[in-house]
N, C-alpha and C. Protein backbone atom coordinates (compact mmCIF):
# COMPACT_ATOMS: atom_id res chain seq x y z
N MET A 1 104.14 149.58 -3.71
CA MET A 1 104.73 148.91 -2.60
C MET A 1 103.73 147.95 -1.85
N LYS A 2 103.79 146.93 -1.62
CA LYS A 2 102.41 145.99 -0.95
C LYS A 2 103.35 145.24 0.40
N TYR A 3 102.49 145.82 1.52
CA TYR A 3 102.71 145.25 2.62
C TYR A 3 102.10 143.62 3.05
N SER A 4 103.47 143.00 4.21
CA SER A 4 102.66 141.61 4.24
C SER A 4 103.49 141.27 5.41
N PRO A 5 103.41 140.47 6.10
CA PRO A 5 103.54 139.50 7.18
C PRO A 5 105.01 138.54 6.61
N ALA A 6 105.74 139.17 7.45
CA ALA A 6 107.09 138.30 7.02
C ALA A 6 106.88 136.78 7.22
N THR A 7 107.47 136.04 6.24
CA THR A 7 107.20 134.22 6.42
C THR A 7 109.04 133.93 6.51
N GLY A 8 109.54 132.30 7.43
CA GLY A 8 109.67 131.99 8.30
C GLY A 8 111.28 131.29 7.24
N PRO A 9 111.52 130.80 7.01
CA PRO A 9 111.66 129.36 7.98
C PRO A 9 111.73 130.14 9.46
N PRO A 10 111.15 130.26 10.99
CA PRO A 10 111.49 130.07 12.40
C PRO A 10 112.02 128.70 12.25
N VAL A 11 111.04 128.08 12.09
CA VAL A 11 111.11 126.07 13.07
C VAL A 11 111.23 125.53 11.22
N THR A 12 110.26 124.69 10.46
CA THR A 12 110.22 123.95 9.64
C THR A 12 109.34 125.44 8.46
N LEU A 13 109.45 125.03 7.06
CA LEU A 13 108.73 125.75 6.68
C LEU A 13 107.37 125.72 6.87
N ASN A 14 106.85 124.62 6.91
CA ASN A 14 105.45 124.44 7.48
C ASN A 14 104.53 124.20 8.72
N CYS A 15 103.87 123.89 9.39
CA CYS A 15 103.25 123.47 10.51
C CYS A 15 103.32 122.62 10.57
N GLU A 16 103.87 121.07 11.63
CA GLU A 16 103.94 119.73 12.15
C GLU A 16 102.31 119.58 11.46
N PHE A 17 101.03 120.71 12.14
CA PHE A 17 99.59 120.30 12.31
C PHE A 17 99.23 120.66 11.38
N CYS A 18 98.91 122.05 11.50
CA CYS A 18 98.28 121.82 10.16
C CYS A 18 98.68 122.25 8.22
N GLN A 19 100.18 122.22 8.60
CA GLN A 19 100.07 122.52 7.15
C GLN A 19 100.32 123.26 5.86
N GLN A 20 100.32 124.36 7.53
CA GLN A 20 99.87 125.60 6.81
C GLN A 20 101.54 126.55 6.69
N ARG A 21 102.20 127.36 5.61
CA ARG A 21 103.32 127.65 5.72
C ARG A 21 103.70 129.02 7.10
N GLN A 22 104.59 127.91 7.72
CA GLN A 22 105.01 129.53 8.77
C GLN A 22 104.49 130.81 8.64
N GLN A 23 104.42 131.67 9.72
CA GLN A 23 104.55 133.06 9.68
C GLN A 23 105.03 133.88 10.14
N LEU A 24 106.08 135.34 10.76
CA LEU A 24 105.89 135.93 11.63
C LEU A 24 105.36 136.86 11.75
N GLY A 25 104.77 137.13 13.13
CA GLY A 25 104.69 138.22 13.49
C GLY A 25 105.51 139.25 14.63
N GLY A 26 104.80 140.19 13.91
CA GLY A 26 106.30 141.42 15.02
C GLY A 26 106.07 143.40 14.23
N PRO A 27 106.65 143.95 14.67
CA PRO A 27 107.48 143.79 15.73
C PRO A 27 106.67 143.56 17.70
N ILE A 28 107.06 143.07 17.83
CA ILE A 28 106.55 143.39 19.44
C ILE A 28 106.41 144.05 20.59
N TRP A 29 105.60 144.76 21.23
CA TRP A 29 105.98 145.55 21.85
C TRP A 29 106.85 144.92 23.40
N ALA A 30 107.86 145.61 24.06
CA ALA A 30 108.51 145.04 25.06
C ALA A 30 108.76 145.57 26.51
N GLU A 31 108.22 146.36 26.38
CA GLU A 31 108.18 147.54 27.23
C GLU A 31 106.55 147.81 28.82
N SER A 32 106.74 148.14 29.05
CA SER A 32 105.44 148.37 29.93
C SER A 32 104.63 148.64 29.70
N LEU A 33 103.33 148.19 29.93
CA LEU A 33 101.69 148.04 29.02
C LEU A 33 101.21 149.47 29.78
N HIS A 34 101.41 149.03 31.52
CA HIS A 34 100.50 150.78 32.11
C HIS A 34 101.16 151.26 32.80
N ASP A 35 101.45 152.69 33.05
CA ASP A 35 102.02 153.32 33.90
C ASP A 35 101.35 153.45 35.52
N LYS A 36 102.09 152.67 36.03
CA LYS A 36 101.68 152.19 37.49
C LYS A 36 101.74 153.53 38.57
N ASP A 37 102.11 154.15 38.02
CA ASP A 37 102.23 155.42 38.82
C ASP A 37 100.92 155.79 39.03
N PHE A 38 100.10 156.64 37.47
CA PHE A 38 98.67 156.42 36.46
C PHE A 38 97.43 155.88 37.71
N VAL A 39 98.18 154.59 37.49
CA VAL A 39 97.00 153.75 37.30
C VAL A 39 96.25 153.63 39.01
N GLU A 40 97.92 153.94 40.22
CA GLU A 40 97.45 153.98 41.29
C GLU A 40 96.59 154.82 41.94
N ARG A 41 97.37 156.26 40.55
CA ARG A 41 96.27 157.63 41.31
C ARG A 41 94.98 157.45 41.31
N ILE A 42 94.50 156.89 39.80
CA ILE A 42 93.14 156.59 39.64
C ILE A 42 92.29 155.46 40.95
N LEU A 43 93.28 154.47 40.94
CA LEU A 43 92.39 154.23 42.20
C LEU A 43 92.06 154.73 43.67
N SER A 44 93.00 155.77 44.02
CA SER A 44 93.30 156.61 44.93
C SER A 44 92.26 157.50 44.48
N ALA A 45 91.96 158.01 43.81
CA ALA A 45 90.54 159.19 43.29
C ALA A 45 89.74 158.69 43.35
N LEU A 46 89.14 157.37 43.14
CA LEU A 46 87.92 156.24 43.32
C LEU A 46 87.87 156.07 44.92
N GLU A 47 89.14 156.09 45.35
CA GLU A 47 88.78 155.33 46.56
C GLU A 47 88.31 156.95 47.63
N ARG A 48 88.64 157.84 47.60
CA ARG A 48 88.50 159.39 47.81
C ARG A 48 87.48 160.04 47.21
N ASN A 49 87.11 159.09 46.44
CA ASN A 49 85.05 159.34 45.90
C ASN A 49 84.65 158.68 46.09
N ASN A 50 84.70 157.65 47.33
CA ASN A 50 83.23 156.85 48.02
C ASN A 50 82.92 155.92 46.38
N SER A 51 83.60 155.89 45.42
CA SER A 51 83.19 155.72 43.91
C SER A 51 82.21 155.58 44.43
N LYS A 52 81.20 156.98 44.36
CA LYS A 52 80.13 157.47 44.24
C LYS A 52 79.40 157.68 42.26
N ARG A 53 80.93 157.82 41.96
CA ARG A 53 80.51 159.35 40.84
C ARG A 53 80.34 157.98 39.86
N PHE A 54 80.90 156.53 40.09
CA PHE A 54 80.73 155.92 38.65
C PHE A 54 80.44 154.63 38.89
N LYS A 55 79.09 154.27 38.29
CA LYS A 55 78.11 153.11 38.60
C LYS A 55 78.77 152.13 38.57
N THR A 56 80.04 152.10 37.82
CA THR A 56 80.94 150.86 37.46
C THR A 56 82.15 151.24 38.50
N ALA A 57 82.29 151.84 39.41
CA ALA A 57 82.79 151.92 40.21
C ALA A 57 83.91 150.57 40.69
N GLU A 58 83.11 149.72 41.04
CA GLU A 58 84.02 148.47 41.70
C GLU A 58 84.37 147.63 40.13
N ARG A 59 83.91 147.61 39.47
CA ARG A 59 84.42 146.97 38.14
C ARG A 59 86.04 147.79 37.72
N ILE A 60 85.84 149.08 37.11
CA ILE A 60 86.57 149.99 37.39
C ILE A 60 88.00 149.41 38.02
N GLN A 61 87.76 149.03 39.12
CA GLN A 61 88.43 149.19 40.62
C GLN A 61 88.85 147.61 40.43
N GLY A 62 88.25 146.69 40.44
CA GLY A 62 88.79 145.77 39.68
C GLY A 62 90.38 145.18 38.44
N VAL A 63 89.51 146.10 37.87
CA VAL A 63 90.81 145.92 36.55
C VAL A 63 92.20 146.87 36.70
N LEU A 64 91.96 148.12 37.30
CA LEU A 64 92.68 148.33 37.62
C LEU A 64 94.17 148.01 39.04
N SER A 65 92.74 147.54 39.13
CA SER A 65 94.18 146.49 40.37
C SER A 65 94.38 144.79 40.09
N MET A 66 94.08 144.78 39.12
CA MET A 66 94.39 143.83 37.66
C MET A 66 96.08 144.06 37.31
N VAL A 67 95.80 145.60 36.75
CA VAL A 67 96.57 146.23 36.21
C VAL A 67 97.81 146.36 37.36
N THR A 68 98.12 146.74 37.96
CA THR A 68 98.65 147.34 39.18
C THR A 68 99.75 146.06 39.51
N GLU A 69 99.03 144.38 39.68
CA GLU A 69 99.53 143.67 39.64
C GLU A 69 100.54 143.22 38.45
N VAL A 70 100.03 143.07 37.83
CA VAL A 70 100.79 142.55 36.38
C VAL A 70 102.25 143.35 35.55
N SER A 71 101.54 144.82 36.68
CA SER A 71 102.74 145.87 35.74
C SER A 71 104.72 145.19 36.14
N VAL A 72 105.43 145.64 35.69
CA VAL A 72 106.30 145.08 36.17
C VAL A 72 106.65 146.53 36.62
N LYS A 73 107.37 147.95 35.68
CA LYS A 73 108.12 149.10 36.78
C LYS A 73 107.29 149.61 37.94
């Protein structure tokens, strides 16, 4: 059995810009990407340890802070 991307036409058979055949992608993930409670616990642990344990603590804190802002749940 051969697996390949599904093809449309979701709109037209070919793309109006590049003239290539339209293709469908999926399935897509429609739920939250991150566990906000877990991320907040990690941020708290970083703050409690004064960020001394990891040399990249500021970077970790920045990324996790951004994750809490984009989390839906």
